[in-house]
């Protein structure tokens, strides 16, 4: 007799997409910390790290979207759309799910503002900085969601993954505090600017 329990493919997809989204979020935070330090030396330029940071962020949101869609179509949990976006009303593990929902809402502002930053004018940098700080708190909440709601969270490979990710982020935070940020390249004045700036000095010397 076959006593194997059939697991819906959607449930496997929910678990896989959730862990992947969390791993990508970890990479996003780590890359952001690397942007602020010289740990990688001068061989890797900040624009390269910035592009990777943005790409990882977009990829994390893509897997999060897959995670949400599968929660809706899964025949076992069968979440509704409001339950995915409103904390506390989930039909399964409401507290753990609420942590994930809040983490999602903390991630979205920095992603949206980052794409319209140039259109916000002078306030764009300030608004982006504020949303960026808010986004940092998404990682511990997403991690707590992973640990409390993930059916694989207490397996050996998962514990190893959590410990490794936490150690890397702690190392990155320490490095950010002690390793100086990359120096910004000095702006070389254009020839016209040089001649204009030199003119007052020349006139003053003639007058003197």
Protein backbone atom coordinates (compact mmCIF):
# COMPACT_ATOMS: atom_id res chain seq x y z
CA UNK A 1 0.00 0.00 0.00
CA UNK A 2 1.28 3.46 -0.89
CA UNK A 3 1.15 5.57 2.26
CA UNK A 4 3.07 8.54 0.86
CA UNK A 5 1.44 11.88 1.49
CA UNK A 6 0.95 13.95 -1.62
CA UNK A 7 2.03 17.54 -1.13
CA UNK A 8 0.45 20.11 -3.47
CA UNK A 9 2.96 21.65 -5.84
CA UNK A 10 1.73 25.06 -4.77
CA UNK A 11 2.83 24.40 -1.19
CA UNK A 12 6.29 23.46 -2.41
CA UNK A 13 6.34 26.64 -4.47
CA UNK A 14 5.25 28.73 -1.49
CA UNK A 15 8.12 27.40 0.59
CA UNK A 16 10.70 27.72 -2.18
CA UNK A 17 9.68 31.24 -3.23
CA UNK A 18 9.51 32.41 0.40
CA UNK A 19 13.01 31.20 1.23
CA UNK A 20 14.35 32.61 -2.03
CA UNK A 21 12.74 36.01 -1.41
CA UNK A 22 14.22 36.08 2.10
CA UNK A 23 17.66 35.12 0.78
CA UNK A 24 17.51 37.86 -1.84
CA UNK A 25 16.42 40.39 0.78
CA UNK A 26 19.46 39.38 2.82
CA UNK A 27 21.66 39.92 -0.23
CA UNK A 28 20.07 43.33 -0.81
CA UNK A 29 20.90 44.47 2.72
CA UNK A 30 24.43 43.05 2.50
CA UNK A 31 25.08 44.75 -0.84
CA UNK A 32 23.81 48.00 0.60
CA UNK A 33 26.34 47.71 3.41
CA UNK A 34 29.12 46.96 0.93
CA UNK A 35 28.21 50.15 -0.91
CA UNK A 36 29.16 52.10 2.20
CA UNK A 37 32.56 50.50 2.77
CA UNK A 38 35.83 49.69 0.99
CA UNK A 39 35.76 46.00 1.84
CA UNK A 40 35.97 45.01 -1.81
CA UNK A 41 38.78 47.45 -2.50
CA UNK A 42 38.96 49.68 -5.56
CA UNK A 43 38.53 46.80 -8.01
CA UNK A 44 34.73 46.93 -7.76
CA UNK A 45 33.33 50.34 -8.54
CA UNK A 46 30.38 51.71 -6.49
CA UNK A 47 28.13 51.98 -9.60
CA UNK A 48 28.56 48.24 -10.15
CA UNK A 49 27.53 47.51 -6.57
CA UNK A 50 24.62 49.94 -6.87
CA UNK A 51 23.31 48.23 -10.00
CA UNK A 52 23.60 44.85 -8.28
CA UNK A 53 21.83 46.26 -5.23
CA UNK A 54 18.91 47.45 -7.38
CA UNK A 55 18.79 44.23 -9.39
CA UNK A 56 18.68 42.08 -6.26
CA UNK A 57 15.93 44.27 -4.83
CA UNK A 58 13.80 43.84 -7.95
CA UNK A 59 14.42 40.10 -7.93
CA UNK A 60 13.43 39.87 -4.25
CA UNK A 61 10.14 41.63 -5.00
CA UNK A 62 9.53 39.32 -7.96
CA UNK A 63 9.88 36.20 -5.79
CA UNK A 64 7.73 37.85 -3.12
CA UNK A 65 5.03 38.33 -5.76
CA UNK A 66 5.29 34.65 -6.70
CA UNK A 67 5.01 33.78 -3.00
CA UNK A 68 1.81 35.82 -2.67
CA UNK A 69 0.21 34.45 -5.83
CA UNK A 70 0.84 30.86 -4.75
CA UNK A 71 -0.71 31.56 -1.35
CA UNK A 72 -3.91 32.58 -3.14
CA UNK A 73 -4.10 29.57 -5.47
CA UNK A 74 -2.96 26.96 -2.92
CA UNK A 75 -5.90 24.62 -2.12
CA UNK A 76 -4.85 24.11 1.51
CA UNK A 77 -4.30 27.60 2.95
CA UNK A 78 -6.30 29.50 0.28
CA UNK A 79 -5.51 33.07 1.32
CA UNK A 80 -7.71 35.88 0.06
CA UNK A 81 -6.26 39.09 -1.35
CA UNK A 82 -7.06 41.19 1.76
CA UNK A 83 -5.45 38.55 3.99
CA UNK A 84 -2.20 39.00 2.10
CA UNK A 85 -2.03 42.74 2.71
CA UNK A 86 -3.76 43.33 6.05
CA UNK A 87 -1.89 42.12 9.17
CA UNK A 88 -3.75 39.96 11.66
CA UNK A 89 -6.54 38.47 9.52
CA UNK A 90 -4.71 35.52 7.98
CA UNK A 91 -6.49 32.14 8.39
CA UNK A 92 -3.21 30.36 9.19
CA UNK A 93 -0.55 31.42 11.74
CA UNK A 94 -1.89 35.00 11.90
CA UNK A 95 0.96 36.40 14.01
CA UNK A 96 3.74 34.92 11.89
CA UNK A 97 1.98 35.98 8.69
CA UNK A 98 1.48 39.49 10.08
CA UNK A 99 5.23 39.84 10.48
CA UNK A 100 5.70 38.98 6.83
CA UNK A 101 2.96 41.40 5.76
CA UNK A 102 4.52 44.26 7.73
CA UNK A 103 7.95 43.43 6.29
CA UNK A 104 6.47 43.62 2.80
CA UNK A 105 4.97 47.05 3.44
CA UNK A 106 8.33 48.25 4.76
CA UNK A 107 10.08 47.07 1.60
CA UNK A 108 7.75 48.68 -0.92
CA UNK A 109 8.31 52.43 -0.23
CA UNK A 110 12.05 52.39 -0.94
CA UNK A 111 11.45 50.46 -4.15
CA UNK A 112 8.81 52.92 -5.37
CA UNK A 113 10.68 56.05 -4.30
CA UNK A 114 13.89 54.73 -5.83
CA UNK A 115 12.20 54.63 -9.24
CA UNK A 116 10.66 58.11 -9.05
CA UNK A 117 13.48 59.72 -7.11
CA UNK A 118 14.55 62.00 -9.95
CA UNK A 119 11.00 63.26 -10.42
CA UNK A 120 10.78 64.39 -6.81
CA UNK A 121 13.31 67.15 -7.37
CA UNK A 122 15.35 68.45 -4.46
CA UNK A 123 13.35 66.45 -1.90
CA UNK A 124 14.00 63.16 -3.72
CA UNK A 125 17.23 62.39 -1.88
CA UNK A 126 15.73 63.13 1.55
CA UNK A 127 12.60 61.06 0.92
CA UNK A 128 14.67 58.20 -0.43
CA UNK A 129 16.96 58.28 2.62
CA UNK A 130 13.98 58.07 4.98
CA UNK A 131 12.38 55.16 3.12
CA UNK A 132 15.78 53.46 3.00
CA UNK A 133 16.04 53.58 6.80
CA UNK A 134 12.53 52.15 7.09
CA UNK A 135 13.46 49.30 4.75
CA UNK A 136 16.23 48.14 7.09
CA UNK A 137 13.64 46.97 9.62
CA UNK A 138 12.09 44.70 6.98
CA UNK A 139 14.88 42.13 7.30
CA UNK A 140 14.43 41.19 11.00
CA UNK A 141 10.64 41.03 10.54
CA UNK A 142 10.99 38.90 7.40
CA UNK A 143 13.42 36.66 9.26
CA UNK A 144 11.00 36.25 12.16
CA UNK A 145 8.26 35.42 9.63
CA UNK A 146 10.53 32.82 8.04
CA UNK A 147 11.38 31.20 11.39
CA UNK A 148 7.82 31.17 12.77
CA UNK A 149 5.88 30.36 9.60
CA UNK A 150 8.35 28.33 7.57
CA UNK A 151 7.78 24.59 7.79
CA UNK A 152 11.46 24.03 7.00
CA UNK A 153 12.79 26.71 9.33
CA UNK A 154 14.14 24.33 11.97
CA UNK A 155 15.86 21.91 9.59
CA UNK A 156 19.64 21.73 9.66
CA UNK A 157 20.15 23.43 6.30
CA UNK A 158 17.75 26.22 7.24
CA UNK A 159 19.41 26.86 10.59
CA UNK A 160 22.79 26.95 8.84
CA UNK A 161 21.39 29.43 6.32
CA UNK A 162 20.00 31.66 9.06
CA UNK A 163 23.24 31.63 11.02
CA UNK A 164 25.35 32.37 7.93
CA UNK A 165 23.11 35.22 6.80
CA UNK A 166 23.01 36.77 10.27
CA UNK A 167 26.79 36.51 10.63
CA UNK A 168 27.35 38.19 7.25
CA UNK A 169 25.03 41.07 8.10
CA UNK A 170 26.59 41.57 11.52
CA UNK A 171 30.03 41.62 9.87
CA UNK A 172 28.73 44.13 7.33
CA UNK A 173 27.33 46.38 10.05
CA UNK A 174 30.61 46.27 11.97
CA UNK A 175 32.54 47.01 8.79
CA UNK A 176 30.28 49.96 8.04
CA UNK A 177 31.10 51.40 11.44
CA UNK A 178 34.87 51.00 11.13
CA UNK A 179 35.73 50.89 7.43
CA UNK A 180 35.52 54.28 5.72
CA UNK A 181 33.10 54.79 2.87
CA UNK A 182 34.52 55.04 -0.65
CA UNK A 183 35.82 58.49 -1.45
CA UNK A 184 33.78 60.35 -4.00
CA UNK A 185 35.70 61.29 -7.13
CA UNK A 186 36.76 64.91 -7.25
CA UNK A 187 34.95 66.98 -9.83
CA UNK A 188 37.40 68.35 -12.36
CA UNK A 189 36.40 71.90 -13.39
CA UNK A 190 35.79 72.52 -17.06
CA UNK A 191 38.27 74.78 -18.92
CA UNK A 192 35.71 77.58 -19.03
CA UNK A 193 35.23 77.35 -15.27
CA UNK A 194 38.98 77.41 -14.72
CA UNK A 195 39.44 80.54 -16.82
CA UNK A 196 36.51 82.29 -15.13
CA UNK A 197 37.78 81.45 -11.66
CA UNK A 198 41.29 82.53 -12.59
CA UNK A 199 40.11 85.90 -13.89
CA UNK A 200 39.29 87.47 -10.49
CA UNK A 201 42.65 86.34 -9.13
CA UNK A 202 44.47 87.90 -12.06
CA UNK A 203 42.56 91.17 -11.79
CA UNK A 204 43.15 91.35 -8.05
CA UNK A 205 46.88 90.88 -8.52
CA UNK A 206 46.95 93.62 -11.13
CA UNK A 207 45.06 95.99 -8.82
CA UNK A 208 47.33 95.13 -5.91
